[in-house]
Protein backbone atom coordinates (compact mmCIF):
# COMPACT_ATOMS: atom_id res chain seq x y z
CA MET A 1 0.00 0.00 0.00
CA SER A 2 1.25 3.51 -0.76
CA VAL A 3 1.84 5.96 2.03
CA VAL A 4 2.03 9.62 2.87
CA LEU A 5 4.32 10.95 5.49
CA LEU A 6 2.88 12.21 8.67
CA THR A 7 4.74 15.35 8.26
CA GLY A 8 3.35 17.98 6.14
CA LEU A 9 2.13 18.82 9.53
CA VAL A 10 1.53 22.11 8.04
CA MET A 11 -1.90 23.16 6.86
CA ALA A 12 -3.95 25.93 5.36
CA ALA A 13 -5.89 28.48 7.28
CA CYS A 14 -8.88 27.35 9.27
CA GLY A 15 -12.08 27.97 7.44
CA GLY A 16 -15.35 26.39 6.59
CA GLY A 17 -18.15 25.09 8.76
CA ASP A 18 -16.69 24.89 12.26
CA ASP A 19 -15.26 27.78 14.21
CA PRO A 20 -11.49 27.50 14.54
CA PRO A 21 -10.14 27.05 18.05
CA GLU A 22 -8.79 30.06 19.93
CA LEU A 23 -5.07 30.15 19.33
CA SER A 24 -2.18 31.60 21.27
CA PRO A 25 0.02 34.07 19.38
CA ALA A 26 2.47 31.22 18.65
CA GLY A 27 -0.37 28.96 17.52
CA GLU A 28 -1.69 31.66 15.21
CA GLU A 29 1.79 32.17 13.77
CA GLY A 30 2.02 28.42 13.16
CA ARG A 31 -1.40 28.45 11.50
CA GLN A 32 -0.25 31.21 9.18
CA ILE A 33 2.97 29.36 8.30
CA ALA A 34 0.85 26.31 7.49
CA ALA A 35 -1.49 28.40 5.36
CA ASP A 36 1.39 30.04 3.52
CA ASN A 37 2.74 26.58 2.67
CA SER A 38 -0.62 25.25 1.37
CA CYS A 39 -0.63 22.25 3.68
CA GLY A 40 -4.40 22.28 4.01
CA ALA A 41 -4.53 20.75 0.54
CA CYS A 42 -3.56 17.43 2.13
CA HIS A 43 -4.26 17.88 5.85
CA GLY A 44 -7.65 19.56 5.43
CA ASN A 45 -8.65 23.19 5.79
CA ASN A 46 -9.55 22.62 9.44
CA GLY A 47 -6.97 19.94 10.25
CA GLN A 48 -9.56 17.20 9.69
CA GLY A 49 -7.34 15.34 7.23
CA ALA A 50 -7.88 14.54 3.57
CA SER A 51 -5.31 12.82 1.37
CA GLY A 52 -2.92 13.34 4.30
CA PRO A 53 -3.30 12.58 8.01
CA ALA A 54 -5.56 14.68 10.23
CA TRP A 55 -3.95 17.09 12.65
CA ILE A 56 -6.97 17.19 14.93
CA GLY A 57 -6.41 14.52 17.54
CA LEU A 58 -2.85 13.89 16.39
CA LEU A 59 -1.06 14.94 19.58
CA GLY A 60 -0.73 11.94 21.90
CA SER A 61 -2.15 9.45 19.39
CA GLU A 62 -0.38 6.26 18.37
CA ARG A 63 0.91 6.16 14.80
CA GLU A 64 1.87 2.98 12.96
CA LEU A 65 4.71 3.51 10.53
CA THR A 66 5.24 1.62 7.30
CA ASP A 67 8.02 -0.41 8.94
CA GLY A 68 5.57 -1.63 11.61
CA THR A 69 6.92 0.58 14.38
CA VAL A 70 4.24 2.15 16.56
CA LEU A 71 5.00 5.44 18.28
CA THR A 72 3.22 8.19 20.15
CA ALA A 73 2.82 11.47 18.30
CA ASP A 74 4.40 13.83 20.80
CA ARG A 75 5.78 17.30 20.08
CA ASP A 76 9.23 15.98 19.14
CA TYR A 77 7.70 13.54 16.65
CA ILE A 78 5.60 16.30 15.07
CA VAL A 79 8.57 18.65 14.67
CA ARG A 80 10.78 15.83 13.37
CA SER A 81 8.11 14.85 10.84
CA ILE A 82 7.77 18.41 9.58
CA LEU A 83 11.50 18.87 9.14
CA ASN A 84 12.21 15.45 7.65
CA PRO A 85 9.06 14.09 6.00
CA SER A 86 10.65 10.83 4.92
CA SER A 87 12.11 9.90 8.31
CA GLU A 88 9.02 8.22 9.79
CA VAL A 89 6.35 7.36 7.24
CA VAL A 90 2.83 6.65 8.50
CA GLY A 91 1.08 3.79 6.75
CA GLY A 92 -2.23 3.98 4.95
CA PHE A 93 -1.93 7.06 2.75
CA VAL A 94 -1.58 7.30 -1.02
CA ILE A 95 0.43 10.52 -1.28
CA ARG A 96 3.82 11.13 0.31
CA MET A 97 4.45 14.44 2.00
CA PRO A 98 6.87 16.58 0.02
CA GLU A 99 10.06 17.97 1.47
CA ASN A 100 9.77 21.59 2.59
CA THR A 101 11.98 24.55 3.43
CA LEU A 102 10.66 25.33 6.91
CA THR A 103 13.17 26.34 9.53
CA ASP A 104 13.39 24.69 12.96
CA ASP A 105 11.57 27.67 14.48
CA GLU A 106 8.81 27.55 11.86
CA ALA A 107 8.36 23.80 12.41
CA ARG A 108 8.04 24.37 16.16
CA LEU A 109 5.39 27.05 15.56
CA VAL A 110 3.42 24.72 13.29
CA ALA A 111 3.70 22.03 15.98
CA THR A 112 2.25 24.52 18.47
CA TYR A 113 -0.66 25.09 16.12
CA ILE A 114 -1.24 21.34 15.79
CA GLU A 115 -1.11 20.95 19.58
CA GLU A 116 -3.69 23.71 20.00
CA LEU A 117 -6.04 21.99 17.55
CA ALA A 118 -6.40 19.30 20.24
CA GLY A 119 -8.13 21.86 22.45
């Protein structure tokens, strides 16, 4: 089965039916970085997932990788996945996450946004 990386942990601006969660300044900055990088095309406009994994409910969830490894999606995993999309590939997706040019700081801000989507 083909896969997509659980990385593009970057998504487009919140929009659509549900109200977006209240975000901290760092979370809002991460949301904007995600929007600027068009990640909502795969991760959904509200983090609900689409051709890529959902961000809502990601933090603290177990992820099974293509090599059979199961890990918990903590902050370090999220940042690592953003910075190196091919390092830990989540099974079950058709499209692979593309490499990106985000800095360490930008990846941490996007991770903050993803964390805040959990409520």
